[in-house]
Amino acid sequence: MSEVMEKIIETLEEIRPGCDFEGKTALVDEGLLDSFEVIQFISEIGDKLDVDVPVEEIIPENFNSLEAIEKLINSLLEI
């Protein structure tokens, strides 16, 4: 597991303790993460990984699965 993925899971578990995020493909669409929690996640992951998520990237598709989140974060880290 990559360091980025470990930080993503760690951060999500801090926001929603006891929720199993692995294997889910509709975290936002199914209500496992609400809009406030997505913003909280963006803030916390930004601090942990020193990355800024642009407003135009804050769309459900980018936060519906661990893989989608990791892809977004990795693309922002490469900039």
C-alpha atoms as a PDB file:
ATOM      1  CA  MET A   1       0.000   0.000   0.000  1.00  0.00           C
ATOM      2  CA  SER A   2       1.357   3.395  -0.951  1.00  0.00           C
ATOM      3  CA  GLU A   3       2.046   6.134   1.580  1.00  0.00           C
ATOM      4  CA  VAL A   4      -0.629   8.269  -0.064  1.00  0.00           C
ATOM      5  CA  MET A   5      -3.229   5.503   0.292  1.00  0.00           C
ATOM      6  CA  GLU A   6      -2.252   4.960   3.937  1.00  0.00           C
ATOM      7  CA  LYS A   7      -2.757   8.679   4.644  1.00  0.00           C
ATOM      8  CA  ILE A   8      -6.088   8.679   2.811  1.00  0.00           C
ATOM      9  CA  ILE A   9      -7.417   5.737   4.827  1.00  0.00           C
ATOM     10  CA  GLU A  10      -6.038   7.135   8.088  1.00  0.00           C
ATOM     11  CA  THR A  11      -7.698  10.499   7.453  1.00  0.00           C
ATOM     12  CA  LEU A  12     -11.042   9.009   6.429  1.00  0.00           C
ATOM     13  CA  GLU A  13     -11.055   6.788   9.532  1.00  0.00           C
ATOM     14  CA  GLU A  14     -10.452   9.862  11.701  1.00  0.00           C
ATOM     15  CA  ILE A  15     -13.450  11.568  10.094  1.00  0.00           C
ATOM     16  CA  ARG A  16     -15.748   8.491  10.079  1.00  0.00           C
ATOM     17  CA  PRO A  17     -14.484   5.998  12.685  1.00  0.00           C
ATOM     18  CA  GLY A  18     -15.670   2.439  12.164  1.00  0.00           C
ATOM     19  CA  CYS A  19     -16.637   2.926   8.527  1.00  0.00           C
ATOM     20  CA  ASP A  20     -15.136   0.447   6.062  1.00  0.00           C
ATOM     21  CA  PHE A  21     -14.067   2.481   3.037  1.00  0.00           C
ATOM     22  CA  GLU A  22     -12.227  -0.259   1.160  1.00  0.00           C
ATOM     23  CA  GLY A  23     -13.956  -1.661  -1.889  1.00  0.00           C
ATOM     24  CA  LYS A  24     -16.611   1.064  -1.917  1.00  0.00           C
ATOM     25  CA  THR A  25     -17.229   2.845  -5.205  1.00  0.00           C
ATOM     26  CA  ALA A  26     -19.891   5.357  -4.171  1.00  0.00           C
ATOM     27  CA  LEU A  27     -18.699   6.957  -0.930  1.00  0.00           C
ATOM     28  CA  VAL A  28     -20.359  10.280  -1.749  1.00  0.00           C
ATOM     29  CA  ASP A  29     -23.251   8.965  -3.845  1.00  0.00           C
ATOM     30  CA  GLU A  30     -24.316   6.526  -1.094  1.00  0.00           C
ATOM     31  CA  GLY A  31     -23.915   9.079   1.687  1.00  0.00           C
ATOM     32  CA  LEU A  32     -20.920   7.493   3.425  1.00  0.00           C
ATOM     33  CA  LEU A  33     -19.250  10.890   3.079  1.00  0.00           C
ATOM     34  CA  ASP A  34     -21.325  14.056   3.123  1.00  0.00           C
ATOM     35  CA  SER A  35     -20.216  17.409   1.725  1.00  0.00           C
ATOM     36  CA  PHE A  36     -18.953  18.656   5.092  1.00  0.00           C
ATOM     37  CA  GLU A  37     -16.863  15.506   5.567  1.00  0.00           C
ATOM     38  CA  VAL A  38     -15.390  15.852   2.077  1.00  0.00           C
ATOM     39  CA  ILE A  39     -14.304  19.415   2.902  1.00  0.00           C
ATOM     40  CA  GLN A  40     -12.923  18.240   6.258  1.00  0.00           C
ATOM     41  CA  PHE A  41     -11.032  15.454   4.465  1.00  0.00           C
ATOM     42  CA  ILE A  42      -9.597  17.881   1.897  1.00  0.00           C
ATOM     43  CA  SER A  43      -8.361  20.146   4.675  1.00  0.00           C
ATOM     44  CA  GLU A  44      -6.805  17.353   6.705  1.00  0.00           C
ATOM     45  CA  ILE A  45      -5.217  15.485   3.781  1.00  0.00           C
ATOM     46  CA  GLY A  46      -3.876  18.807   2.541  1.00  0.00           C
ATOM     47  CA  ASP A  47      -2.088  19.321   5.844  1.00  0.00           C
ATOM     48  CA  LYS A  48      -0.750  15.754   5.959  1.00  0.00           C
ATOM     49  CA  LEU A  49       0.493  15.581   2.375  1.00  0.00           C
ATOM     50  CA  ASP A  50       1.064  19.296   1.683  1.00  0.00           C
ATOM     51  CA  VAL A  51      -1.342  19.328  -1.238  1.00  0.00           C
ATOM     52  CA  ASP A  52      -4.064  21.773  -2.263  1.00  0.00           C
ATOM     53  CA  VAL A  53      -7.200  20.459  -3.949  1.00  0.00           C
ATOM     54  CA  PRO A  54      -8.545  23.041  -6.415  1.00  0.00           C
ATOM     55  CA  VAL A  55     -12.239  23.869  -6.158  1.00  0.00           C
ATOM     56  CA  GLU A  56     -12.909  22.520  -9.653  1.00  0.00           C
ATOM     57  CA  GLU A  57     -11.672  19.084  -8.519  1.00  0.00           C
ATOM     58  CA  ILE A  58     -14.176  18.882  -5.636  1.00  0.00           C
ATOM     59  CA  ILE A  59     -16.696  16.717  -7.458  1.00  0.00           C
ATOM     60  CA  PRO A  60     -18.293  13.448  -6.296  1.00  0.00           C
ATOM     61  CA  GLU A  61     -16.427  11.383  -8.901  1.00  0.00           C
ATOM     62  CA  ASN A  62     -13.104  12.294  -7.280  1.00  0.00           C
ATOM     63  CA  PHE A  63     -14.231  11.167  -3.817  1.00  0.00           C
ATOM     64  CA  ASN A  64     -16.423   8.108  -4.476  1.00  0.00           C
ATOM     65  CA  SER A  65     -13.667   5.536  -3.912  1.00  0.00           C
ATOM     66  CA  LEU A  66     -10.265   5.216  -2.303  1.00  0.00           C
ATOM     67  CA  GLU A  67      -8.787   4.676  -5.755  1.00  0.00           C
ATOM     68  CA  ALA A  68     -10.370   7.863  -7.146  1.00  0.00           C
ATOM     69  CA  ILE A  69      -9.114   9.866  -4.172  1.00  0.00           C
ATOM     70  CA  GLU A  70      -5.618   8.406  -4.536  1.00  0.00           C
ATOM     71  CA  LYS A  71      -5.586   9.177  -8.268  1.00  0.00           C
ATOM     72  CA  LEU A  72      -6.605  12.785  -7.585  1.00  0.00           C
ATOM     73  CA  ILE A  73      -4.038  13.273  -4.817  1.00  0.00           C
ATOM     74  CA  ASN A  74      -1.243  11.684  -6.862  1.00  0.00           C
ATOM     75  CA  SER A  75      -2.051  13.909  -9.839  1.00  0.00           C
ATOM     76  CA  LEU A  76      -1.909  16.997  -7.611  1.00  0.00           C
ATOM     77  CA  LEU A  77       1.379  15.919  -6.028  1.00  0.00           C
ATOM     78  CA  GLU A  78       2.941  15.646  -9.498  1.00  0.00           C
ATOM     79  CA  ILE A  79       2.160  19.264 -10.404  1.00  0.00           C
END
